[in-house]
Amino acid sequence: MPYYVFRLGMFKVLEKQGEWASFKEAKAHTNELRKTLDPKTGDKYKMIFAENEIAAQDTLMAERELDQRLSGDDW
């Protein structure tokens, strides 16, 4: 399974930056891309390991459930 790198822009728009077979190469490329980010844009770069590009996009776009143990005034 390959590693995918996506740019996550405004309004959760995904833009594929590349695909790599090894973690080391994907991580190095992601770190280089993150150095070029303008903090004012709010964009992010995400790396994900997935079966295919569609599965990677689905995982990145999925809403995660709030862990009730970490929410509320008790925390």
N, C-alpha and C. Protein backbone atom coordinates (compact mmCIF):
# COMPACT_ATOMS: atom_id res chain seq x y z
N MET A 1 0.84 -1.18 0.00
CA MET A 1 0.00 0.00 0.00
C MET A 1 0.88 1.24 0.00
N PRO A 2 0.51 2.23 -0.77
CA PRO A 2 1.32 3.45 -0.85
C PRO A 2 0.96 4.49 0.21
N TYR A 3 1.83 5.45 0.35
CA TYR A 3 1.61 6.62 1.19
C TYR A 3 1.20 7.77 0.28
N TYR A 4 0.17 8.48 0.67
CA TYR A 4 -0.33 9.62 -0.10
C TYR A 4 -0.12 10.89 0.69
N VAL A 5 0.17 11.97 -0.01
CA VAL A 5 0.29 13.28 0.62
C VAL A 5 -0.73 14.19 -0.04
N PHE A 6 -1.54 14.85 0.81
CA PHE A 6 -2.57 15.76 0.33
C PHE A 6 -2.41 17.12 0.98
N ARG A 7 -2.77 18.13 0.23
CA ARG A 7 -2.89 19.48 0.79
C ARG A 7 -4.36 19.65 1.15
N LEU A 8 -4.62 19.99 2.39
CA LEU A 8 -5.97 20.21 2.87
C LEU A 8 -6.18 21.71 2.95
N GLY A 9 -6.96 22.23 2.00
CA GLY A 9 -7.17 23.66 1.89
C GLY A 9 -8.45 24.12 2.56
N MET A 10 -8.79 25.37 2.26
CA MET A 10 -10.03 25.94 2.81
C MET A 10 -11.22 25.09 2.41
N PHE A 11 -12.18 25.02 3.28
CA PHE A 11 -13.41 24.28 3.05
C PHE A 11 -13.15 22.80 2.81
N LYS A 12 -12.07 22.27 3.39
CA LYS A 12 -11.72 20.86 3.30
C LYS A 12 -11.57 20.37 1.86
N VAL A 13 -10.95 21.17 1.04
CA VAL A 13 -10.67 20.77 -0.34
C VAL A 13 -9.33 20.04 -0.34
N LEU A 14 -9.33 18.81 -0.85
CA LEU A 14 -8.12 18.00 -0.90
C LEU A 14 -7.46 18.14 -2.26
N GLU A 15 -6.14 18.28 -2.24
CA GLU A 15 -5.36 18.36 -3.47
C GLU A 15 -4.17 17.40 -3.32
N LYS A 16 -4.17 16.35 -4.14
CA LYS A 16 -3.11 15.34 -4.05
C LYS A 16 -1.77 15.95 -4.44
N GLN A 17 -0.76 15.71 -3.60
CA GLN A 17 0.58 16.22 -3.84
C GLN A 17 1.52 15.13 -4.35
N GLY A 18 1.16 13.88 -4.10
CA GLY A 18 2.01 12.79 -4.57
C GLY A 18 1.70 11.48 -3.88
N GLU A 19 2.42 10.46 -4.33
CA GLU A 19 2.23 9.09 -3.83
C GLU A 19 3.61 8.44 -3.75
N TRP A 20 3.91 7.78 -2.64
CA TRP A 20 5.21 7.16 -2.43
C TRP A 20 5.05 5.75 -1.89
N ALA A 21 6.02 4.91 -2.21
CA ALA A 21 5.99 3.53 -1.75
C ALA A 21 6.57 3.38 -0.34
N SER A 22 7.46 4.30 0.05
CA SER A 22 8.08 4.17 1.37
C SER A 22 7.69 5.32 2.29
N PHE A 23 7.62 5.00 3.57
CA PHE A 23 7.29 5.99 4.59
C PHE A 23 8.33 7.10 4.62
N LYS A 24 9.59 6.72 4.57
CA LYS A 24 10.67 7.69 4.70
C LYS A 24 10.60 8.77 3.62
N GLU A 25 10.37 8.37 2.37
CA GLU A 25 10.28 9.34 1.27
C GLU A 25 9.05 10.23 1.42
N ALA A 26 7.92 9.62 1.77
CA ALA A 26 6.68 10.39 1.92
C ALA A 26 6.80 11.40 3.07
N LYS A 27 7.37 10.98 4.17
CA LYS A 27 7.53 11.85 5.33
C LYS A 27 8.47 13.02 5.01
N ALA A 28 9.57 12.73 4.31
CA ALA A 28 10.51 13.79 3.95
C ALA A 28 9.85 14.81 3.04
N HIS A 29 9.08 14.35 2.07
CA HIS A 29 8.40 15.27 1.16
C HIS A 29 7.35 16.10 1.90
N THR A 30 6.60 15.46 2.79
CA THR A 30 5.59 16.17 3.57
C THR A 30 6.23 17.26 4.42
N ASN A 31 7.35 16.95 5.05
CA ASN A 31 8.04 17.94 5.88
C ASN A 31 8.53 19.12 5.04
N GLU A 32 9.03 18.85 3.84
CA GLU A 32 9.48 19.93 2.95
C GLU A 32 8.30 20.82 2.55
N LEU A 33 7.16 20.20 2.24
CA LEU A 33 5.98 20.97 1.87
C LEU A 33 5.49 21.83 3.04
N ARG A 34 5.55 21.29 4.24
CA ARG A 34 5.09 22.03 5.42
C ARG A 34 5.95 23.27 5.69
N LYS A 35 7.20 23.23 5.29
CA LYS A 35 8.08 24.39 5.47
C LYS A 35 7.66 25.56 4.58
N THR A 36 6.96 25.28 3.50
CA THR A 36 6.56 26.32 2.55
C THR A 36 5.20 26.93 2.85
N LEU A 37 4.51 26.41 3.86
CA LEU A 37 3.15 26.88 4.16
C LEU A 37 3.13 28.30 4.72
N ASP A 38 2.15 29.04 4.29
CA ASP A 38 1.89 30.37 4.85
C ASP A 38 0.86 30.17 5.97
N PRO A 39 1.18 30.48 7.22
CA PRO A 39 0.26 30.23 8.33
C PRO A 39 -1.07 30.98 8.19
N LYS A 40 -1.09 32.03 7.42
CA LYS A 40 -2.31 32.82 7.27
C LYS A 40 -3.37 32.10 6.44
N THR A 41 -2.97 31.14 5.61
CA THR A 41 -3.93 30.47 4.72
C THR A 41 -4.75 29.42 5.45
N GLY A 42 -4.20 28.83 6.49
CA GLY A 42 -4.90 27.77 7.20
C GLY A 42 -4.79 26.42 6.52
N ASP A 43 -4.01 26.34 5.45
CA ASP A 43 -3.82 25.06 4.76
C ASP A 43 -2.95 24.13 5.58
N LYS A 44 -3.08 22.82 5.31
CA LYS A 44 -2.29 21.81 5.99
C LYS A 44 -1.86 20.77 4.98
N TYR A 45 -0.80 20.06 5.29
CA TYR A 45 -0.39 18.90 4.50
C TYR A 45 -0.57 17.67 5.37
N LYS A 46 -1.21 16.66 4.81
CA LYS A 46 -1.47 15.42 5.52
C LYS A 46 -0.90 14.25 4.76
N MET A 47 -0.27 13.33 5.47
CA MET A 47 0.23 12.10 4.88
C MET A 47 -0.62 10.95 5.40
N ILE A 48 -0.97 10.03 4.51
CA ILE A 48 -1.81 8.92 4.92
C ILE A 48 -1.41 7.64 4.18
N PHE A 49 -1.50 6.53 4.86
CA PHE A 49 -1.21 5.21 4.32
C PHE A 49 -2.56 4.58 4.00
N ALA A 50 -2.79 4.26 2.73
CA ALA A 50 -4.10 3.73 2.35
C ALA A 50 -3.97 2.78 1.17
N GLU A 51 -5.02 1.98 1.00
CA GLU A 51 -5.07 1.00 -0.07
C GLU A 51 -5.05 1.65 -1.45
N ASN A 52 -5.77 2.77 -1.57
CA ASN A 52 -5.81 3.50 -2.85
C ASN A 52 -6.14 4.96 -2.56
N GLU A 53 -6.12 5.78 -3.62
CA GLU A 53 -6.33 7.21 -3.44
C GLU A 53 -7.72 7.55 -2.91
N ILE A 54 -8.71 6.82 -3.36
CA ILE A 54 -10.09 7.07 -2.91
C ILE A 54 -10.23 6.76 -1.42
N ALA A 55 -9.64 5.65 -0.98
CA ALA A 55 -9.69 5.29 0.45
C ALA A 55 -8.97 6.35 1.29
N ALA A 56 -7.87 6.87 0.77
CA ALA A 56 -7.13 7.91 1.49
C ALA A 56 -7.98 9.17 1.63
N GLN A 57 -8.63 9.57 0.55
CA GLN A 57 -9.48 10.76 0.61
C GLN A 57 -10.67 10.55 1.56
N ASP A 58 -11.28 9.38 1.49
CA ASP A 58 -12.40 9.09 2.38
C ASP A 58 -12.00 9.17 3.85
N THR A 59 -10.83 8.64 4.16
CA THR A 59 -10.36 8.66 5.54
C THR A 59 -10.08 10.09 6.00
N LEU A 60 -9.46 10.88 5.15
CA LEU A 60 -9.15 12.27 5.53
C LEU A 60 -10.41 13.12 5.68
N MET A 61 -11.44 12.82 4.91
CA MET A 61 -12.66 13.63 4.94
C MET A 61 -13.67 13.16 6.00
N ALA A 62 -13.45 11.99 6.57
CA ALA A 62 -14.39 11.44 7.55
C ALA A 62 -14.42 12.28 8.82
N GLU A 63 -15.60 12.51 9.32
CA GLU A 63 -15.76 13.22 10.59
C GLU A 63 -15.46 12.24 11.72
N ARG A 64 -14.61 12.64 12.63
CA ARG A 64 -14.27 11.78 13.76
C ARG A 64 -15.20 12.08 14.91
N GLU A 65 -15.58 11.02 15.60
CA GLU A 65 -16.47 11.18 16.75
C GLU A 65 -15.70 11.74 17.93
N LEU A 66 -16.35 12.59 18.69
CA LEU A 66 -15.76 13.18 19.87
C LEU A 66 -15.66 12.13 20.97
N ASP A 67 -14.49 12.00 21.56
CA ASP A 67 -14.30 11.10 22.69
C ASP A 67 -14.88 11.76 23.93
N GLN A 68 -15.94 11.20 24.47
CA GLN A 68 -16.65 11.80 25.59
C GLN A 68 -15.78 11.90 26.84
N ARG A 69 -14.77 11.07 26.95
CA ARG A 69 -13.88 11.14 28.11
C ARG A 69 -13.04 12.41 28.09
N LEU A 70 -12.86 13.02 26.91
CA LEU A 70 -12.00 14.18 26.78
C LEU A 70 -12.77 15.48 26.60
N SER A 71 -14.07 15.43 26.74
CA SER A 71 -14.86 16.64 26.51
C SER A 71 -15.54 17.08 27.80
N GLY A 72 -15.98 18.29 27.80
CA GLY A 72 -16.73 18.80 28.95
C GLY A 72 -15.85 19.54 29.93
N ASP A 73 -16.47 19.97 31.00
CA ASP A 73 -15.79 20.79 31.99
C ASP A 73 -14.86 19.98 32.91
N ASP A 74 -15.04 18.67 32.95
CA ASP A 74 -14.22 17.84 33.83
C ASP A 74 -12.79 17.74 33.35
N TRP A 75 -12.55 17.97 32.11
CA TRP A 75 -11.23 17.84 31.55
C TRP A 75 -10.50 19.09 31.78
